[in-house]
Amino acid sequence: MAQAIKVSEDLYTIAKTRAKAEHRSIPAQIEYWAKIGRIAHDNPDLPVSFIEGILISNAEYEAGQYTEFKLD
């Protein structure tokens, strides 16, 4: 079961702004940041933009939004 957590007012304000811009709820925005941070921590040589690209690619694949590459 999920539990409520306390975050600083500054983090909440930033998350609220980003959540609105990225069409997420505030908790979803903080979860997204945590996911990116966890992956970045486990893979320090990968740029954050690369990690975001992988997450987007995975979501597109799961949604069936891809075309197979065929080597001729």
Protein backbone atom coordinates (compact mmCIF):
# COMPACT_ATOMS: atom_id res chain seq x y z
CA MET A 1 0.00 0.00 0.00
CA ALA A 2 1.30 3.44 -0.90
CA GLN A 3 2.07 5.80 1.92
CA ALA A 4 2.08 9.57 1.93
CA ILE A 5 5.48 11.20 2.02
CA LYS A 6 6.51 14.73 2.85
CA VAL A 7 8.51 16.76 0.39
CA SER A 8 9.84 20.27 0.68
CA GLU A 9 7.68 23.15 -0.48
CA ASP A 10 10.31 23.99 -3.11
CA LEU A 11 10.24 20.47 -4.58
CA TYR A 12 6.44 20.48 -4.56
CA THR A 13 6.30 23.84 -6.38
CA ILE A 14 8.78 22.71 -9.04
CA ALA A 15 6.99 19.38 -9.47
CA LYS A 16 3.64 21.16 -9.79
CA THR A 17 4.96 23.39 -12.57
CA ARG A 18 6.66 20.54 -14.45
CA ALA A 19 3.66 18.25 -13.97
CA LYS A 20 1.40 20.81 -15.60
CA ALA A 21 3.81 21.33 -18.49
CA GLU A 22 4.26 17.58 -19.04
CA HIS A 23 0.59 16.67 -18.49
CA ARG A 24 1.22 14.54 -15.40
CA SER A 25 -0.14 14.59 -11.90
CA ILE A 26 2.23 15.89 -9.24
CA PRO A 27 2.79 12.40 -7.77
CA ALA A 28 3.39 11.00 -11.28
CA GLN A 29 5.96 13.75 -11.92
CA ILE A 30 7.85 12.94 -8.73
CA GLU A 31 7.70 9.20 -9.56
CA TYR A 32 9.07 9.98 -13.04
CA TRP A 33 11.97 11.93 -11.55
CA ALA A 34 12.64 9.11 -9.09
CA LYS A 35 12.68 6.55 -11.92
CA ILE A 36 15.09 8.67 -13.98
CA GLY A 37 17.26 9.22 -10.91
CA ARG A 38 17.35 5.53 -10.04
CA ILE A 39 18.34 4.55 -13.59
CA ALA A 40 20.95 7.35 -13.72
CA HIS A 41 22.38 6.23 -10.39
CA ASP A 42 22.65 2.63 -11.62
CA ASN A 43 24.13 3.75 -14.98
CA PRO A 44 26.28 6.82 -14.29
CA ASP A 45 27.79 6.85 -17.80
CA LEU A 46 24.41 7.38 -19.50
CA PRO A 47 23.18 10.93 -20.11
CA VAL A 48 19.71 11.70 -18.74
CA SER A 49 18.47 12.49 -22.25
CA PHE A 50 19.51 9.00 -23.35
CA ILE A 51 17.67 7.44 -20.41
CA GLU A 52 14.55 9.45 -21.26
CA GLY A 53 14.83 8.29 -24.87
CA ILE A 54 14.97 4.66 -23.76
CA LEU A 55 11.88 5.11 -21.57
CA ILE A 56 10.00 6.75 -24.45
CA SER A 57 11.05 3.98 -26.82
CA ASN A 58 9.91 1.31 -24.37
CA ALA A 59 6.53 3.02 -23.96
CA GLU A 60 6.11 3.31 -27.74
CA TYR A 61 6.98 -0.37 -28.17
CA GLU A 62 4.50 -1.42 -25.48
CA ALA A 63 1.82 0.69 -27.20
CA GLY A 64 2.56 -0.98 -30.54
CA GLN A 65 3.85 2.26 -32.03
CA TYR A 66 6.87 0.97 -33.87
CA THR A 67 7.96 -0.39 -37.20
CA GLU A 68 10.39 -3.24 -37.56
CA PHE A 69 13.73 -2.46 -39.09
CA LYS A 70 14.58 -4.89 -41.85
CA LEU A 71 18.13 -5.16 -43.08
CA ASP A 72 18.18 -5.70 -46.84
